[in-house]
Each structure stands twice: as C-alpha cells, then as structure tokens.
Amino acid sequence: MKATIVDLRYKTTEILKALDRNESVTISYHGKVKGVLSPAKNSTALQTEDHPFFAMNLDHSLSVEDELESLRKPRYDL
C-alpha cells in the first residue's frame, strides 16, 4: 500500500488495517519515499524450560543442592 503524510493523518484506520493484513505501507512526502511501515512480527514468548540455558546440564545427576555445594566450596580443601 502507498500512503502520503496526509493519509497518515486522515486515513489512519485504513493504514492500520493494511498492517493487520501483513501489508507493508510506503510513506511518501512531496512525492518522495520517506519510509516503509512494515507489520510487526508476532513473536511467541519462549517458555522458561525451553530456554537453552536451562537445558545445558541435562546430563548431570547431581541435585540442585549438591551442585550449589560444589560451586560454593573453597578452591583448595585443607
């Protein structure tokens, strides 16, 4: 869809409907293209358990408490 600056002001609902139809809208000012409005991508939120960080230790058999204890211990046991 092509629109002018005046169309942005007076035909905003039509432009928004075009964006809802996944159409890009080219904006012109005095006959020159100033920009392109493109529809927003519908990104689905990533679930916490699907995040790669939480799957990096799937092969560990230690419990959370044991893992934290091993991380918190001093460098050298005396």
N, C-alpha and C. Protein backbone atom coordinates (compact mmCIF):
# COMPACT_ATOMS: atom_id res chain seq x y z
N MET A 1 0.85 -1.17 0.00
CA MET A 1 0.00 0.00 0.00
C MET A 1 0.89 1.23 0.00
N LYS A 2 0.45 2.27 -0.68
CA LYS A 2 1.16 3.53 -0.69
C LYS A 2 0.30 4.57 0.01
N ALA A 3 0.93 5.42 0.80
CA ALA A 3 0.22 6.45 1.53
C ALA A 3 1.09 7.70 1.61
N THR A 4 0.43 8.84 1.77
CA THR A 4 1.15 10.09 1.95
C THR A 4 1.07 10.50 3.41
N ILE A 5 1.73 11.59 3.72
CA ILE A 5 1.69 12.12 5.08
C ILE A 5 0.25 12.50 5.45
N VAL A 6 -0.48 13.04 4.50
CA VAL A 6 -1.87 13.42 4.75
C VAL A 6 -2.72 12.18 5.03
N ASP A 7 -2.43 11.09 4.30
CA ASP A 7 -3.15 9.84 4.55
C ASP A 7 -2.88 9.31 5.95
N LEU A 8 -1.68 9.50 6.42
CA LEU A 8 -1.38 9.07 7.79
C LEU A 8 -2.28 9.77 8.79
N ARG A 9 -2.58 11.02 8.51
CA ARG A 9 -3.39 11.79 9.44
C ARG A 9 -4.87 11.46 9.33
N TYR A 10 -5.38 11.37 8.10
CA TYR A 10 -6.81 11.25 7.92
C TYR A 10 -7.30 9.82 7.66
N LYS A 11 -6.42 8.93 7.27
CA LYS A 11 -6.82 7.55 6.96
C LYS A 11 -6.02 6.55 7.79
N THR A 12 -5.84 6.87 9.05
CA THR A 12 -5.03 6.03 9.93
C THR A 12 -5.63 4.64 10.07
N THR A 13 -6.95 4.54 10.17
CA THR A 13 -7.57 3.23 10.35
C THR A 13 -7.34 2.33 9.14
N GLU A 14 -7.37 2.91 7.94
CA GLU A 14 -7.12 2.10 6.74
C GLU A 14 -5.68 1.61 6.70
N ILE A 15 -4.77 2.44 7.13
CA ILE A 15 -3.36 2.04 7.16
C ILE A 15 -3.15 0.95 8.20
N LEU A 16 -3.78 1.08 9.35
CA LEU A 16 -3.67 0.04 10.38
C LEU A 16 -4.29 -1.27 9.92
N LYS A 17 -5.38 -1.20 9.17
CA LYS A 17 -5.99 -2.42 8.63
C LYS A 17 -5.07 -3.08 7.62
N ALA A 18 -4.37 -2.28 6.83
CA ALA A 18 -3.41 -2.85 5.88
C ALA A 18 -2.27 -3.55 6.62
N LEU A 19 -1.83 -2.97 7.71
CA LEU A 19 -0.79 -3.61 8.52
C LEU A 19 -1.31 -4.90 9.15
N ASP A 20 -2.59 -4.92 9.53
CA ASP A 20 -3.18 -6.14 10.07
C ASP A 20 -3.22 -7.25 9.02
N ARG A 21 -3.32 -6.86 7.74
CA ARG A 21 -3.31 -7.83 6.65
C ARG A 21 -1.89 -8.20 6.22
N ASN A 22 -0.91 -7.81 7.02
CA ASN A 22 0.51 -8.06 6.76
C ASN A 22 1.00 -7.41 5.48
N GLU A 23 0.48 -6.24 5.16
CA GLU A 23 0.95 -5.47 4.02
C GLU A 23 1.91 -4.40 4.51
N SER A 24 2.92 -4.12 3.72
CA SER A 24 3.81 -3.01 4.02
C SER A 24 3.20 -1.73 3.46
N VAL A 25 3.42 -0.62 4.15
CA VAL A 25 2.88 0.66 3.74
C VAL A 25 4.05 1.59 3.44
N THR A 26 4.11 2.09 2.21
CA THR A 26 5.16 3.01 1.79
C THR A 26 4.66 4.43 2.01
N ILE A 27 5.40 5.21 2.78
CA ILE A 27 5.03 6.58 3.11
C ILE A 27 5.82 7.54 2.23
N SER A 28 5.09 8.46 1.58
CA SER A 28 5.76 9.45 0.73
C SER A 28 5.43 10.86 1.21
N TYR A 29 6.36 11.76 0.96
CA TYR A 29 6.22 13.16 1.33
C TYR A 29 6.72 13.99 0.16
N HIS A 30 5.84 14.78 -0.41
CA HIS A 30 6.13 15.57 -1.61
C HIS A 30 6.62 14.69 -2.76
N GLY A 31 6.02 13.51 -2.88
CA GLY A 31 6.34 12.61 -3.98
C GLY A 31 7.58 11.76 -3.79
N LYS A 32 8.29 11.94 -2.69
CA LYS A 32 9.50 11.15 -2.43
C LYS A 32 9.23 10.18 -1.29
N VAL A 33 9.71 8.98 -1.45
CA VAL A 33 9.53 7.96 -0.42
C VAL A 33 10.35 8.32 0.80
N LYS A 34 9.68 8.39 1.95
CA LYS A 34 10.35 8.72 3.21
C LYS A 34 10.57 7.49 4.09
N GLY A 35 9.76 6.48 3.89
CA GLY A 35 9.93 5.30 4.72
C GLY A 35 8.90 4.24 4.40
N VAL A 36 9.07 3.11 5.03
CA VAL A 36 8.16 1.98 4.84
C VAL A 36 7.76 1.47 6.22
N LEU A 37 6.45 1.37 6.42
CA LEU A 37 5.93 0.76 7.64
C LEU A 37 5.70 -0.71 7.35
N SER A 38 6.26 -1.56 8.17
CA SER A 38 6.06 -2.99 7.97
C SER A 38 5.35 -3.55 9.20
N PRO A 39 4.56 -4.59 9.01
CA PRO A 39 3.83 -5.17 10.15
C PRO A 39 4.79 -5.78 11.16
N ALA A 40 4.40 -5.71 12.40
CA ALA A 40 5.21 -6.28 13.48
C ALA A 40 5.15 -7.79 13.39
N LYS A 41 6.25 -8.42 13.72
CA LYS A 41 6.30 -9.88 13.72
C LYS A 41 5.70 -10.37 15.03
N ASN A 42 4.86 -11.36 14.90
CA ASN A 42 4.26 -11.95 16.09
C ASN A 42 5.24 -12.96 16.66
N SER A 43 5.97 -12.54 17.66
CA SER A 43 6.93 -13.44 18.28
C SER A 43 6.27 -14.13 19.46
N THR A 44 6.47 -15.39 19.53
CA THR A 44 5.93 -16.13 20.65
C THR A 44 6.96 -16.11 21.77
N ALA A 45 6.48 -15.93 22.95
CA ALA A 45 7.37 -15.89 24.11
C ALA A 45 7.93 -17.28 24.37
N LEU A 46 9.19 -17.34 24.65
CA LEU A 46 9.86 -18.60 24.91
C LEU A 46 9.58 -19.02 26.35
N GLN A 47 9.15 -20.24 26.52
CA GLN A 47 8.91 -20.75 27.86
C GLN A 47 10.24 -20.92 28.59
N THR A 48 10.22 -20.78 29.88
CA THR A 48 11.44 -20.85 30.67
C THR A 48 12.15 -22.18 30.50
N GLU A 49 11.40 -23.26 30.53
CA GLU A 49 12.04 -24.57 30.41
C GLU A 49 12.54 -24.86 29.00
N ASP A 50 12.11 -24.09 28.00
CA ASP A 50 12.58 -24.27 26.64
C ASP A 50 13.83 -23.44 26.33
N HIS A 51 14.21 -22.56 27.23
CA HIS A 51 15.39 -21.73 27.01
C HIS A 51 16.64 -22.60 27.03
N PRO A 52 17.58 -22.35 26.11
CA PRO A 52 18.78 -23.20 26.03
C PRO A 52 19.61 -23.23 27.31
N PHE A 53 19.59 -22.18 28.10
CA PHE A 53 20.39 -22.14 29.32
C PHE A 53 19.96 -23.24 30.29
N PHE A 54 18.67 -23.50 30.37
CA PHE A 54 18.18 -24.47 31.34
C PHE A 54 18.39 -25.91 30.90
N ALA A 55 18.74 -26.12 29.65
CA ALA A 55 18.98 -27.48 29.17
C ALA A 55 20.46 -27.82 29.09
N MET A 56 21.33 -26.94 29.56
CA MET A 56 22.75 -27.20 29.39
C MET A 56 23.29 -28.24 30.36
N ASN A 57 22.58 -28.56 31.41
CA ASN A 57 23.05 -29.55 32.38
C ASN A 57 22.09 -30.72 32.49
N LEU A 58 21.53 -31.15 31.41
CA LEU A 58 20.58 -32.26 31.47
C LEU A 58 21.25 -33.58 31.82
N ASP A 59 22.52 -33.72 31.51
CA ASP A 59 23.20 -34.98 31.76
C ASP A 59 23.71 -35.11 33.20
N HIS A 60 23.60 -34.07 33.99
CA HIS A 60 24.07 -34.12 35.38
C HIS A 60 23.08 -34.89 36.23
N SER A 61 23.63 -35.71 37.10
CA SER A 61 22.78 -36.48 38.00
C SER A 61 22.75 -35.89 39.41
N LEU A 62 23.49 -34.78 39.62
CA LEU A 62 23.52 -34.14 40.94
C LEU A 62 22.23 -33.36 41.17
N SER A 63 21.84 -33.30 42.42
CA SER A 63 20.69 -32.48 42.76
C SER A 63 21.12 -31.02 42.77
N VAL A 64 20.18 -30.14 42.85
CA VAL A 64 20.48 -28.71 42.84
C VAL A 64 21.32 -28.35 44.05
N GLU A 65 20.98 -28.90 45.20
CA GLU A 65 21.73 -28.60 46.42
C GLU A 65 23.18 -29.07 46.30
N ASP A 66 23.39 -30.27 45.75
CA ASP A 66 24.75 -30.79 45.59
C ASP A 66 25.54 -29.96 44.57
N GLU A 67 24.88 -29.54 43.53
CA GLU A 67 25.54 -28.70 42.52
C GLU A 67 25.97 -27.37 43.12
N LEU A 68 25.08 -26.73 43.91
CA LEU A 68 25.43 -25.48 44.56
C LEU A 68 26.55 -25.66 45.58
N GLU A 69 26.53 -26.76 46.29
CA GLU A 69 27.58 -27.04 47.27
C GLU A 69 28.93 -27.18 46.58
N SER A 70 28.94 -27.81 45.42
CA SER A 70 30.22 -27.96 44.71
C SER A 70 30.69 -26.63 44.14
N LEU A 71 29.79 -25.74 43.80
CA LEU A 71 30.17 -24.44 43.30
C LEU A 71 30.66 -23.52 44.42
N ARG A 72 30.14 -23.69 45.60
CA ARG A 72 30.46 -22.80 46.72
C ARG A 72 31.66 -23.24 47.54
N LYS A 73 32.16 -24.42 47.32
CA LYS A 73 33.26 -24.92 48.15
C LYS A 73 34.52 -24.11 47.87
N PRO A 74 35.44 -24.08 48.79
CA PRO A 74 36.69 -23.32 48.57
C PRO A 74 37.53 -24.00 47.48
N ARG A 75 38.48 -23.23 46.99
CA ARG A 75 39.31 -23.73 45.88
C ARG A 75 40.14 -24.93 46.32
N TYR A 76 40.73 -24.86 47.48
CA TYR A 76 41.56 -25.94 47.96
C TYR A 76 41.00 -26.44 49.28
N ASP A 77 40.83 -27.73 49.38
CA ASP A 77 40.41 -28.31 50.67
C ASP A 77 41.65 -28.51 51.53
N LEU A 78 41.56 -28.01 52.76
CA LEU A 78 42.71 -28.14 53.66
C LEU A 78 42.56 -29.31 54.57
